[in-house]
Amino acid sequence: MKRFTCGELVEVITAYLDDALDQPSRAGVELHLTCCEDCGHYVDQFRATIRALADPPPEKLSDRTRERLMSAFRNRRHA
């Protein structure tokens, strides 16, 4: 099993979270996470960021704002 440093963990975090590491590497990351509180926080923050960006709520524009934008787009296209 590979033993990961903090720097190496940062390099493979995306593959780890995507479940794209081979089993020995995955086990090495998980071992490191049990011993390194800072990297555990890093992984938690990375997961939270992924969740926050994965499904953003739709933005609602007021009718007035929507019409102003559409008018600006139309005017720009015809300019």
N, C-alpha and C. Protein backbone atom coordinates (compact mmCIF):
# COMPACT_ATOMS: atom_id res chain seq x y z
N MET A 1 0.85 -1.17 0.00
CA MET A 1 0.00 0.00 0.00
C MET A 1 0.89 1.24 0.00
N LYS A 2 0.54 2.19 -0.85
CA LYS A 2 1.29 3.45 -0.93
C LYS A 2 0.94 4.32 0.27
N ARG A 3 1.95 4.94 0.83
CA ARG A 3 1.73 5.92 1.92
C ARG A 3 1.77 7.31 1.30
N PHE A 4 0.72 8.06 1.46
CA PHE A 4 0.60 9.37 0.85
C PHE A 4 1.04 10.47 1.80
N THR A 5 1.71 11.48 1.24
CA THR A 5 1.98 12.70 1.97
C THR A 5 0.79 13.64 1.74
N CYS A 6 0.75 14.73 2.48
CA CYS A 6 -0.33 15.70 2.29
C CYS A 6 -0.33 16.24 0.86
N GLY A 7 0.84 16.55 0.34
CA GLY A 7 0.94 17.07 -1.02
C GLY A 7 0.46 16.07 -2.06
N GLU A 8 0.80 14.81 -1.87
CA GLU A 8 0.36 13.78 -2.81
C GLU A 8 -1.15 13.58 -2.73
N LEU A 9 -1.71 13.68 -1.53
CA LEU A 9 -3.15 13.53 -1.38
C LEU A 9 -3.87 14.63 -2.16
N VAL A 10 -3.37 15.86 -2.06
CA VAL A 10 -3.98 16.98 -2.79
C VAL A 10 -3.99 16.69 -4.29
N GLU A 11 -2.94 16.06 -4.80
CA GLU A 11 -2.84 15.77 -6.23
C GLU A 11 -3.84 14.71 -6.69
N VAL A 12 -4.25 13.81 -5.79
CA VAL A 12 -5.14 12.71 -6.21
C VAL A 12 -6.55 12.84 -5.65
N ILE A 13 -6.87 13.95 -4.99
CA ILE A 13 -8.16 14.06 -4.32
C ILE A 13 -9.33 13.90 -5.28
N THR A 14 -9.23 14.47 -6.47
CA THR A 14 -10.33 14.35 -7.43
C THR A 14 -10.53 12.90 -7.83
N ALA A 15 -9.45 12.20 -8.12
CA ALA A 15 -9.56 10.78 -8.48
C ALA A 15 -10.13 9.98 -7.32
N TYR A 16 -9.72 10.32 -6.10
CA TYR A 16 -10.24 9.62 -4.92
C TYR A 16 -11.75 9.82 -4.80
N LEU A 17 -12.19 11.06 -4.92
CA LEU A 17 -13.62 11.34 -4.77
C LEU A 17 -14.44 10.79 -5.93
N ASP A 18 -13.82 10.65 -7.11
CA ASP A 18 -14.50 10.05 -8.26
C ASP A 18 -14.41 8.53 -8.27
N ASP A 19 -13.80 7.96 -7.22
CA ASP A 19 -13.60 6.51 -7.11
C ASP A 19 -12.81 5.97 -8.30
N ALA A 20 -11.79 6.73 -8.72
CA ALA A 20 -11.00 6.35 -9.88
C ALA A 20 -9.60 5.86 -9.52
N LEU A 21 -9.31 5.73 -8.23
CA LEU A 21 -8.00 5.21 -7.82
C LEU A 21 -8.04 3.69 -7.74
N ASP A 22 -6.89 3.07 -7.97
CA ASP A 22 -6.82 1.63 -7.75
C ASP A 22 -6.93 1.37 -6.24
N GLN A 23 -7.21 0.14 -5.88
CA GLN A 23 -7.47 -0.18 -4.48
C GLN A 23 -6.30 0.13 -3.55
N PRO A 24 -5.05 -0.20 -3.93
CA PRO A 24 -3.95 0.15 -3.02
C PRO A 24 -3.81 1.66 -2.80
N SER A 25 -4.00 2.44 -3.85
CA SER A 25 -3.92 3.90 -3.69
C SER A 25 -5.07 4.42 -2.85
N ARG A 26 -6.26 3.90 -3.08
CA ARG A 26 -7.42 4.31 -2.29
C ARG A 26 -7.19 4.00 -0.81
N ALA A 27 -6.68 2.82 -0.54
CA ALA A 27 -6.40 2.43 0.85
C ALA A 27 -5.34 3.35 1.46
N GLY A 28 -4.34 3.74 0.66
CA GLY A 28 -3.32 4.66 1.15
C GLY A 28 -3.88 6.03 1.48
N VAL A 29 -4.78 6.53 0.64
CA VAL A 29 -5.42 7.82 0.91
C VAL A 29 -6.24 7.72 2.19
N GLU A 30 -7.01 6.65 2.32
CA GLU A 30 -7.86 6.50 3.50
C GLU A 30 -7.03 6.35 4.78
N LEU A 31 -5.90 5.67 4.69
CA LEU A 31 -5.00 5.56 5.84
C LEU A 31 -4.48 6.95 6.22
N HIS A 32 -4.07 7.71 5.22
CA HIS A 32 -3.57 9.06 5.49
C HIS A 32 -4.66 9.91 6.15
N LEU A 33 -5.89 9.78 5.67
CA LEU A 33 -6.98 10.58 6.23
C LEU A 33 -7.27 10.23 7.69
N THR A 34 -7.00 8.99 8.09
CA THR A 34 -7.21 8.63 9.49
C THR A 34 -6.14 9.22 10.40
N CYS A 35 -4.99 9.55 9.81
CA CYS A 35 -3.86 10.07 10.60
C CYS A 35 -3.68 11.58 10.49
N CYS A 36 -4.33 12.22 9.53
CA CYS A 36 -4.07 13.64 9.27
C CYS A 36 -5.37 14.43 9.32
N GLU A 37 -5.57 15.11 10.41
CA GLU A 37 -6.80 15.89 10.60
C GLU A 37 -6.93 17.00 9.56
N ASP A 38 -5.82 17.64 9.21
CA ASP A 38 -5.87 18.73 8.22
C ASP A 38 -6.37 18.23 6.86
N CYS A 39 -5.87 17.09 6.42
CA CYS A 39 -6.31 16.54 5.14
C CYS A 39 -7.77 16.09 5.22
N GLY A 40 -8.18 15.59 6.38
CA GLY A 40 -9.59 15.24 6.56
C GLY A 40 -10.48 16.45 6.39
N HIS A 41 -10.07 17.59 6.95
CA HIS A 41 -10.83 18.83 6.78
C HIS A 41 -10.83 19.26 5.31
N TYR A 42 -9.68 19.10 4.66
CA TYR A 42 -9.57 19.47 3.24
C TYR A 42 -10.55 18.65 2.40
N VAL A 43 -10.60 17.34 2.63
CA VAL A 43 -11.51 16.48 1.88
C VAL A 43 -12.96 16.87 2.18
N ASP A 44 -13.28 17.13 3.44
CA ASP A 44 -14.64 17.55 3.79
C ASP A 44 -15.01 18.84 3.07
N GLN A 45 -14.10 19.81 3.03
CA GLN A 45 -14.37 21.07 2.35
C GLN A 45 -14.52 20.87 0.85
N PHE A 46 -13.71 19.99 0.28
CA PHE A 46 -13.79 19.69 -1.15
C PHE A 46 -15.15 19.08 -1.47
N ARG A 47 -15.58 18.13 -0.65
CA ARG A 47 -16.90 17.51 -0.85
C ARG A 47 -18.02 18.54 -0.74
N ALA A 48 -17.93 19.42 0.26
CA ALA A 48 -18.96 20.45 0.45
C ALA A 48 -19.01 21.39 -0.77
N THR A 49 -17.85 21.71 -1.31
CA THR A 49 -17.80 22.57 -2.49
C THR A 49 -18.46 21.87 -3.68
N ILE A 50 -18.17 20.61 -3.87
CA ILE A 50 -18.77 19.85 -4.97
C ILE A 50 -20.28 19.83 -4.82
N ARG A 51 -20.77 19.57 -3.60
CA ARG A 51 -22.23 19.54 -3.38
C ARG A 51 -22.85 20.91 -3.66
N ALA A 52 -22.19 21.96 -3.22
CA ALA A 52 -22.73 23.31 -3.39
C ALA A 52 -22.80 23.71 -4.86
N LEU A 53 -21.82 23.28 -5.64
CA LEU A 53 -21.77 23.65 -7.05
C LEU A 53 -22.51 22.69 -7.96
N ALA A 54 -22.80 21.51 -7.46
CA ALA A 54 -23.41 20.47 -8.30
C ALA A 54 -24.83 20.80 -8.70
N ASP A 55 -25.58 21.40 -7.83
CA ASP A 55 -26.99 21.63 -8.13
C ASP A 55 -27.42 23.01 -7.63
N PRO A 56 -26.92 24.06 -8.28
CA PRO A 56 -27.28 25.40 -7.81
C PRO A 56 -28.77 25.67 -8.06
N PRO A 57 -29.39 26.40 -7.17
CA PRO A 57 -30.80 26.72 -7.39
C PRO A 57 -30.95 27.65 -8.58
N PRO A 58 -32.02 27.50 -9.33
CA PRO A 58 -32.22 28.40 -10.47
C PRO A 58 -32.43 29.83 -9.98
N GLU A 59 -31.86 30.76 -10.72
CA GLU A 59 -32.03 32.16 -10.35
C GLU A 59 -33.30 32.69 -11.00
N LYS A 60 -34.04 33.43 -10.24
CA LYS A 60 -35.29 34.02 -10.73
C LYS A 60 -35.04 35.48 -11.04
N LEU A 61 -35.39 35.89 -12.24
CA LEU A 61 -35.32 37.29 -12.61
C LEU A 61 -36.72 37.87 -12.58
N SER A 62 -36.81 39.10 -12.15
CA SER A 62 -38.11 39.76 -12.21
C SER A 62 -38.48 39.96 -13.67
N ASP A 63 -39.77 40.11 -13.95
CA ASP A 63 -40.22 40.33 -15.32
C ASP A 63 -39.56 41.58 -15.90
N ARG A 64 -39.45 42.62 -15.08
CA ARG A 64 -38.85 43.87 -15.54
C ARG A 64 -37.38 43.66 -15.92
N THR A 65 -36.64 42.96 -15.08
CA THR A 65 -35.23 42.71 -15.36
C THR A 65 -35.08 41.85 -16.60
N ARG A 66 -35.90 40.83 -16.71
CA ARG A 66 -35.84 39.94 -17.89
C ARG A 66 -36.10 40.75 -19.16
N GLU A 67 -37.10 41.60 -19.15
CA GLU A 67 -37.42 42.39 -20.33
C GLU A 67 -36.30 43.37 -20.68
N ARG A 68 -35.68 43.97 -19.67
CA ARG A 68 -34.57 44.88 -19.92
C ARG A 68 -33.38 44.15 -20.55
N LEU A 69 -33.11 42.95 -20.07
CA LEU A 69 -32.02 42.15 -20.65
C LEU A 69 -32.33 41.77 -22.09
N MET A 70 -33.54 41.30 -22.32
CA MET A 70 -33.92 40.88 -23.67
C MET A 70 -33.86 42.07 -24.63
N SER A 71 -34.30 43.22 -24.17
CA SER A 71 -34.25 44.43 -24.99
C SER A 71 -32.80 44.79 -25.31
N ALA A 72 -31.93 44.70 -24.32
CA ALA A 72 -30.52 45.00 -24.55
C ALA A 72 -29.91 44.02 -25.54
N PHE A 73 -30.25 42.75 -25.44
CA PHE A 73 -29.74 41.75 -26.39
C PHE A 73 -30.23 42.05 -27.80
N ARG A 74 -31.52 42.36 -27.92
CA ARG A 74 -32.08 42.65 -29.24
C ARG A 74 -31.41 43.89 -29.84
N ASN A 75 -31.26 44.94 -29.04
CA ASN A 75 -30.64 46.17 -29.53
C ASN A 75 -29.19 45.94 -29.95
N ARG A 76 -28.48 45.14 -29.19
CA ARG A 76 -27.08 44.86 -29.52
C ARG A 76 -26.97 44.06 -30.81
N ARG A 77 -27.89 43.12 -31.00
CA ARG A 77 -27.86 42.27 -32.19
C ARG A 77 -28.15 43.10 -33.45
N HIS A 78 -28.98 44.11 -33.32
CA HIS A 78 -29.35 44.94 -34.47
C HIS A 78 -28.40 46.11 -34.67
N ALA A 79 -27.47 46.29 -33.78
CA ALA A 79 -26.54 47.44 -33.89
C ALA A 79 -25.42 47.17 -34.87
